[in-house]
Amino acid sequence: TDLGRKPKPQYNDEGKRQRVSEEGRPSQSKRREIP
């Protein structure tokens, strides 16, 4: 994963990222809503 790009707190959200895949949307879109 691109740990160098985004802060670690967002990586705690692995579960959210997986849910995004189920929705068929890019994970980056959801990642912005997390913070």
Protein backbone atom coordinates (compact mmCIF):
# COMPACT_ATOMS: atom_id res chain seq x y z
CA THR A 1 0.00 0.00 0.00
CA ASP A 2 1.05 3.60 -0.36
CA LEU A 3 2.00 4.22 3.26
CA GLY A 4 4.31 7.04 2.19
CA ARG A 5 1.46 9.00 0.64
CA LYS A 6 -1.22 9.03 3.32
CA PRO A 7 -0.92 9.16 7.12
CA LYS A 8 -1.16 5.94 9.11
CA PRO A 9 -4.54 6.75 10.72
CA GLN A 10 -6.23 6.11 7.38
CA TYR A 11 -4.67 2.65 7.16
CA ASN A 12 -6.44 1.69 10.39
CA ASP A 13 -9.49 1.83 8.18
CA GLU A 14 -8.70 -1.34 6.19
CA GLY A 15 -12.24 -2.52 6.87
CA LYS A 16 -13.67 0.62 5.33
CA ARG A 17 -11.48 0.25 2.27
CA GLN A 18 -12.81 -3.26 1.74
CA ARG A 19 -16.38 -2.06 1.99
CA VAL A 20 -15.65 0.49 -0.71
CA SER A 21 -14.57 -2.30 -3.04
CA GLU A 22 -17.96 -3.94 -2.54
CA GLU A 23 -19.66 -0.70 -3.53
CA GLY A 24 -17.54 -0.59 -6.67
CA ARG A 25 -16.19 2.87 -5.83
CA PRO A 26 -12.56 3.98 -5.65
CA SER A 27 -11.12 3.60 -2.15
CA GLN A 28 -9.55 7.05 -2.42
CA SER A 29 -12.97 8.70 -2.41
CA LYS A 30 -13.86 7.07 0.90
CA ARG A 31 -10.41 7.69 2.36
CA ARG A 32 -10.99 11.44 2.07
CA GLU A 33 -14.19 11.20 4.08
CA ILE A 34 -12.48 9.34 6.92
CA PRO A 35 -10.53 12.32 8.28
